[in-house]
Amino acid sequence: MQNTDTSPKTKREFRSLSDIVAYKQQLREKIDKDEETITSKWNDLFHKEEEEPRNRAQKLARMVSLGTGVFDGALLGWKLYRRYQEGAFLFGNFGKKKKRK
């Protein structure tokens, strides 16, 4: 039984089922190693931990930043709510007539 590897340069010959099992095990180990590498790089890129504030000024700055972010989000939500009136943008303005000026 002859089988080709995924790379065009390399041809593999399998003479028994044990050869196939050994090759499958090698591939599994390589996949696991690559998966660990990808996971560590992903975590390094996207899951960085922030430093703890060292003094009161940094704590205050972090609280102010968080507070302004929350306020900005709430203000945006309120503006969207007032603009589209309780989900009318999802269902359209069926049955409601526009006011003429």
Protein backbone atom coordinates (compact mmCIF):
# COMPACT_ATOMS: atom_id res chain seq x y z
CA MET A 1 0.00 0.00 0.00
CA GLN A 2 1.45 3.38 -0.98
CA ASN A 3 0.31 6.77 0.28
CA THR A 4 1.65 10.24 -0.38
CA ASP A 5 2.19 12.84 2.27
CA THR A 6 0.54 16.25 1.97
CA SER A 7 3.80 17.87 0.85
CA PRO A 8 4.53 17.35 -2.86
CA LYS A 9 8.25 16.56 -2.34
CA THR A 10 7.88 13.71 0.15
CA LYS A 11 6.44 10.30 -0.63
CA ARG A 12 5.77 7.87 2.18
CA GLU A 13 5.41 4.16 1.88
CA PHE A 14 3.36 2.25 4.37
CA ARG A 15 4.00 -1.46 4.52
CA SER A 16 1.76 -2.34 7.45
CA LEU A 17 -0.88 -0.98 9.76
CA SER A 18 1.74 -0.38 12.44
CA ASP A 19 3.52 2.03 10.04
CA ILE A 20 0.27 3.93 9.61
CA VAL A 21 -0.33 4.01 13.38
CA ALA A 22 3.22 5.27 14.01
CA TYR A 23 2.84 7.97 11.36
CA LYS A 24 -0.52 8.98 12.78
CA GLN A 25 1.07 9.28 16.24
CA GLN A 26 3.85 11.48 14.83
CA LEU A 27 1.30 13.74 13.17
CA ARG A 28 -0.75 13.93 16.39
CA GLU A 29 2.34 14.97 18.37
CA LYS A 30 3.20 17.61 15.79
CA ILE A 31 -0.36 18.95 15.81
CA ASP A 32 -0.37 19.09 19.63
CA LYS A 33 2.96 20.95 19.64
CA ASP A 34 1.72 23.45 17.04
CA GLU A 35 -1.51 23.90 18.98
CA GLU A 36 0.41 24.72 22.17
CA THR A 37 2.55 27.23 20.26
CA ILE A 38 -0.52 28.92 18.75
CA THR A 39 -2.26 29.02 22.14
CA SER A 40 0.71 30.62 23.88
CA LYS A 41 1.13 33.22 21.12
CA TRP A 42 -2.62 33.97 21.18
CA ASN A 43 -2.56 34.47 24.94
CA ASP A 44 0.53 36.67 24.75
CA LEU A 45 -1.14 38.81 22.11
CA PHE A 46 -4.68 39.17 23.47
CA HIS A 47 -4.65 38.36 27.19
CA LYS A 48 -2.10 40.71 28.65
CA GLU A 49 -2.63 41.49 32.27
CA GLU A 50 -2.70 45.13 33.28
CA GLU A 51 -0.39 46.40 35.95
CA GLU A 52 -1.86 47.11 39.34
CA PRO A 53 -1.83 50.81 40.18
CA ARG A 54 1.07 51.65 42.45
CA ASN A 55 -0.21 54.80 44.10
CA ARG A 56 -3.39 56.75 44.73
CA ALA A 57 -3.04 58.92 41.65
CA GLN A 58 -2.95 55.86 39.38
CA LYS A 59 -5.94 54.35 41.20
CA LEU A 60 -7.87 57.57 40.78
CA ALA A 61 -6.93 57.81 37.11
CA ARG A 62 -8.12 54.23 36.52
CA MET A 63 -11.42 54.91 38.31
CA VAL A 64 -11.99 58.11 36.32
CA SER A 65 -11.21 56.30 33.07
CA LEU A 66 -13.59 53.47 33.93
CA GLY A 67 -16.28 55.93 35.02
CA THR A 68 -16.05 57.95 31.82
CA GLY A 69 -16.24 54.75 29.77
CA VAL A 70 -19.36 53.63 31.61
CA PHE A 71 -20.93 57.08 31.30
CA ASP A 72 -20.12 57.23 27.59
CA GLY A 73 -21.72 53.81 27.04
CA ALA A 74 -24.82 54.76 29.01
CA LEU A 75 -25.14 58.05 27.10
CA LEU A 76 -24.81 56.23 23.77
CA GLY A 77 -27.47 53.73 24.85
CA TRP A 78 -29.83 56.53 25.89
CA LYS A 79 -29.32 58.36 22.59
CA LEU A 80 -30.00 55.21 20.60
CA TYR A 81 -33.07 54.46 22.67
CA ARG A 82 -34.45 57.97 22.15
CA ARG A 83 -33.62 57.86 18.46
CA TYR A 84 -35.21 54.52 17.67
CA GLN A 85 -37.94 54.38 20.35
CA GLU A 86 -37.94 50.94 21.93
CA GLY A 87 -36.76 48.78 19.06
CA ALA A 88 -38.74 50.35 16.25
CA PHE A 89 -35.65 50.04 14.06
CA LEU A 90 -35.86 46.25 14.37
CA PHE A 91 -39.49 45.89 13.40
CA GLY A 92 -39.92 48.95 11.24
CA ASN A 93 -42.51 51.62 11.79
CA PHE A 94 -45.46 49.46 10.82
CA GLY A 95 -48.73 51.13 11.66
CA LYS A 96 -47.11 54.40 12.64
CA LYS A 97 -47.48 57.37 10.40
CA LYS A 98 -44.79 59.98 10.16
CA LYS A 99 -45.69 63.39 11.48
CA ARG A 100 -45.89 66.09 8.86
CA LYS A 101 -44.41 69.43 9.63
